[in-house]
């Protein structure tokens, strides 16, 4: 990964993509831990900071315009993280993203076709079968989100096929 050239200005952009419950967050955490152990300046942006049940991928311009384009110019980026503490997404904290050596995007659609030319590293997690992934996601998010997660999995299948993730 560090041997790969930066493609977002001076920033190496890494994307950890794949369906819900596949292990993306666990892998991203391990990657960040290893990069930091090697003394690399890193920053993590989960797509969960943007996506909602009703807007799974169309939020991308917020990330592109607020973070990726400024970083490509060597400038600090900003975005407003969604706050899910009430169970309903609402605008949360303003996040400042100074240009890191490695920016890791983690989550569904993070390696979408439109950003691939800027990626220095891309890893798509497949995880176990859909049923096992659903149970992992329900365990993580709660039984009350089961129906949302079932709909999300159906959306993901279509998204990954159309985007050729």
Protein backbone atom coordinates (compact mmCIF):
# COMPACT_ATOMS: atom_id res chain seq x y z
CA UNK A 1 0.00 0.00 0.00
CA UNK A 2 2.74 2.48 0.90
CA UNK A 3 4.59 1.58 -2.27
CA UNK A 4 1.59 2.79 -4.28
CA UNK A 5 1.83 6.33 -5.57
CA UNK A 6 -0.41 9.04 -4.12
CA UNK A 7 -3.25 9.79 -6.54
CA UNK A 8 -5.16 12.37 -4.53
CA UNK A 9 -2.63 15.17 -4.56
CA UNK A 10 0.01 14.05 -2.06
CA UNK A 11 -2.48 11.74 -0.30
CA UNK A 12 -2.69 7.98 -0.74
CA UNK A 13 -6.38 7.12 -0.81
CA UNK A 14 -7.40 3.63 0.33
CA UNK A 15 -10.94 2.25 0.05
CA UNK A 16 -12.29 -0.71 2.00
CA UNK A 17 -15.59 -1.67 0.34
CA UNK A 18 -18.03 -4.56 0.41
CA UNK A 19 -21.46 -5.51 1.72
CA UNK A 20 -22.73 -4.91 5.25
CA UNK A 21 -21.46 -7.41 7.79
CA UNK A 22 -18.48 -8.44 5.62
CA UNK A 23 -15.80 -7.22 8.04
CA UNK A 24 -14.87 -3.87 6.47
CA UNK A 25 -14.59 -1.96 9.75
CA UNK A 26 -12.46 -4.68 11.34
CA UNK A 27 -10.13 -4.74 8.32
CA UNK A 28 -9.93 -0.93 8.18
CA UNK A 29 -9.04 -0.77 11.88
CA UNK A 30 -6.28 -3.35 11.40
CA UNK A 31 -4.96 -1.45 8.37
CA UNK A 32 -4.93 1.84 10.29
CA UNK A 33 -3.22 0.21 13.27
CA UNK A 34 -0.49 -1.19 11.03
CA UNK A 35 0.03 2.08 9.16
CA UNK A 36 0.23 4.01 12.43
CA UNK A 37 2.64 1.43 13.85
CA UNK A 38 4.84 2.23 10.86
CA UNK A 39 4.65 5.93 11.71
CA UNK A 40 2.25 6.94 8.94
CA UNK A 41 -0.14 9.86 9.31
CA UNK A 42 -3.63 8.46 8.68
CA UNK A 43 -7.25 9.51 8.76
CA UNK A 44 -10.37 7.32 8.58
CA UNK A 45 -13.71 8.31 7.08
CA UNK A 46 -16.50 5.73 7.34
CA UNK A 47 -19.28 6.03 4.78
CA UNK A 48 -21.64 5.64 7.77
CA UNK A 49 -20.85 9.30 8.45
CA UNK A 50 -22.87 10.10 5.28
CA UNK A 51 -25.18 7.23 4.31
CA UNK A 52 -28.73 6.77 5.56
CA UNK A 53 -31.32 4.06 4.97
CA UNK A 54 -33.01 6.38 2.45
CA UNK A 55 -29.80 7.73 0.91
CA UNK A 56 -27.33 4.87 0.69
CA UNK A 57 -24.98 6.30 -1.98
CA UNK A 58 -26.22 9.62 -3.45
CA UNK A 59 -24.44 11.58 -0.67
CA UNK A 60 -21.09 11.17 -2.49
CA UNK A 61 -20.82 14.83 -3.66
CA UNK A 62 -20.62 15.88 0.01
CA UNK A 63 -17.48 13.77 0.47
CA UNK A 64 -16.02 14.59 -2.93
CA UNK A 65 -16.53 18.36 -2.71
CA UNK A 66 -15.92 18.74 1.03
CA UNK A 67 -12.95 16.43 1.50
CA UNK A 68 -11.49 14.74 -1.57
CA UNK A 69 -11.18 17.79 -3.82
CA UNK A 70 -9.65 20.00 -1.10
CA UNK A 71 -7.16 17.25 -0.18
CA UNK A 72 -6.22 16.86 -3.85
CA UNK A 73 -5.29 20.57 -3.80
CA UNK A 74 -3.29 20.14 -0.57
CA UNK A 75 -5.97 21.90 1.47
CA UNK A 76 -7.88 20.85 4.58
CA UNK A 77 -11.27 19.24 4.00
CA UNK A 78 -14.44 19.38 6.08
CA UNK A 79 -17.71 17.50 6.34
CA UNK A 80 -20.62 17.25 8.73
CA UNK A 81 -20.90 13.77 10.22
CA UNK A 82 -24.36 12.27 10.68
CA UNK A 83 -25.40 11.81 14.31
CA UNK A 84 -27.33 8.56 14.82
CA UNK A 85 -27.56 8.71 18.64
CA UNK A 86 -31.36 9.11 18.56
CA UNK A 87 -31.77 6.34 15.96
CA UNK A 88 -32.68 8.93 13.33
CA UNK A 89 -29.87 10.56 11.33
CA UNK A 90 -29.42 14.28 11.87
CA UNK A 91 -26.54 16.69 11.25
CA UNK A 92 -23.77 16.15 13.79
CA UNK A 93 -20.25 17.35 14.41
CA UNK A 94 -18.20 19.18 11.81
CA UNK A 95 -15.17 17.03 11.02
CA UNK A 96 -11.92 18.65 9.87
CA UNK A 97 -9.64 16.55 7.68
CA UNK A 98 -6.10 17.92 7.32
CA UNK A 99 -4.19 16.26 4.46
CA UNK A 100 -2.91 12.91 5.81
CA UNK A 101 -0.35 10.65 4.22
CA UNK A 102 -3.07 7.98 3.94
CA UNK A 103 -6.83 8.59 3.92
CA UNK A 104 -8.89 5.44 4.44
CA UNK A 105 -12.49 5.38 3.25
CA UNK A 106 -14.42 2.49 4.75
CA UNK A 107 -17.89 1.36 3.84
CA UNK A 108 -20.35 0.50 1.12
CA UNK A 109 -19.55 2.42 -2.08
CA UNK A 110 -16.18 3.72 -0.87
CA UNK A 111 -14.45 2.15 -3.91
CA UNK A 112 -17.10 3.31 -6.38
CA UNK A 113 -16.18 3.65 -10.04
CA UNK A 114 -15.97 7.46 -9.92
CA UNK A 115 -13.15 7.45 -7.33
CA UNK A 116 -11.15 4.46 -8.59
CA UNK A 117 -8.66 6.54 -10.61
CA UNK A 118 -7.69 8.32 -7.39
CA UNK A 119 -7.27 5.18 -5.28
CA UNK A 120 -3.81 4.02 -4.29
CA UNK A 121 -5.31 0.92 -2.66
CA UNK A 122 -8.65 -0.85 -2.96
CA UNK A 123 -9.84 -3.85 -1.03
CA UNK A 124 -13.31 -5.32 -1.44
CA UNK A 125 -14.47 -7.55 1.40
CA UNK A 126 -16.88 -10.33 0.55
CA UNK A 127 -17.32 -11.90 3.97
CA UNK A 128 -19.56 -14.90 4.58
CA UNK A 129 -22.89 -15.58 2.83
CA UNK A 130 -25.70 -13.01 2.94
CA UNK A 131 -27.53 -14.71 5.82
CA UNK A 132 -24.46 -14.73 8.04
CA UNK A 133 -23.66 -11.12 7.09
CA UNK A 134 -27.22 -10.12 7.98
CA UNK A 135 -26.90 -11.73 11.41
CA UNK A 136 -23.54 -9.98 11.99
CA UNK A 137 -25.08 -6.63 11.02
CA UNK A 138 -28.13 -7.20 13.25
CA UNK A 139 -25.82 -8.11 16.13
CA UNK A 140 -23.87 -4.88 15.51
CA UNK A 141 -26.83 -2.53 14.88
CA UNK A 142 -29.66 -4.15 16.86
CA UNK A 143 -32.72 -6.24 16.14
CA UNK A 144 -34.78 -3.08 15.57
CA UNK A 145 -32.78 -2.47 12.37
CA UNK A 146 -33.27 -5.96 10.90
CA UNK A 147 -35.81 -4.88 8.24
CA UNK A 148 -33.68 -1.87 7.28
CA UNK A 149 -30.69 -4.19 6.94
CA UNK A 150 -32.64 -6.64 4.77
CA UNK A 151 -33.58 -3.76 2.44
CA UNK A 152 -29.98 -2.49 2.58
CA UNK A 153 -28.64 -5.89 1.50
CA UNK A 154 -31.01 -5.90 -1.47
CA UNK A 155 -29.83 -2.41 -2.41
CA UNK A 156 -26.17 -3.44 -2.07
CA UNK A 157 -26.57 -6.34 -4.49
CA UNK A 158 -27.91 -3.99 -7.13
CA UNK A 159 -25.32 -1.29 -6.37
CA UNK A 160 -22.33 -3.62 -6.58
CA UNK A 161 -23.59 -5.12 -9.85
CA UNK A 162 -24.24 -1.72 -11.45
CA UNK A 163 -21.00 -0.12 -10.17
CA UNK A 164 -18.95 -3.27 -10.87
CA UNK A 165 -17.37 -2.95 -7.48
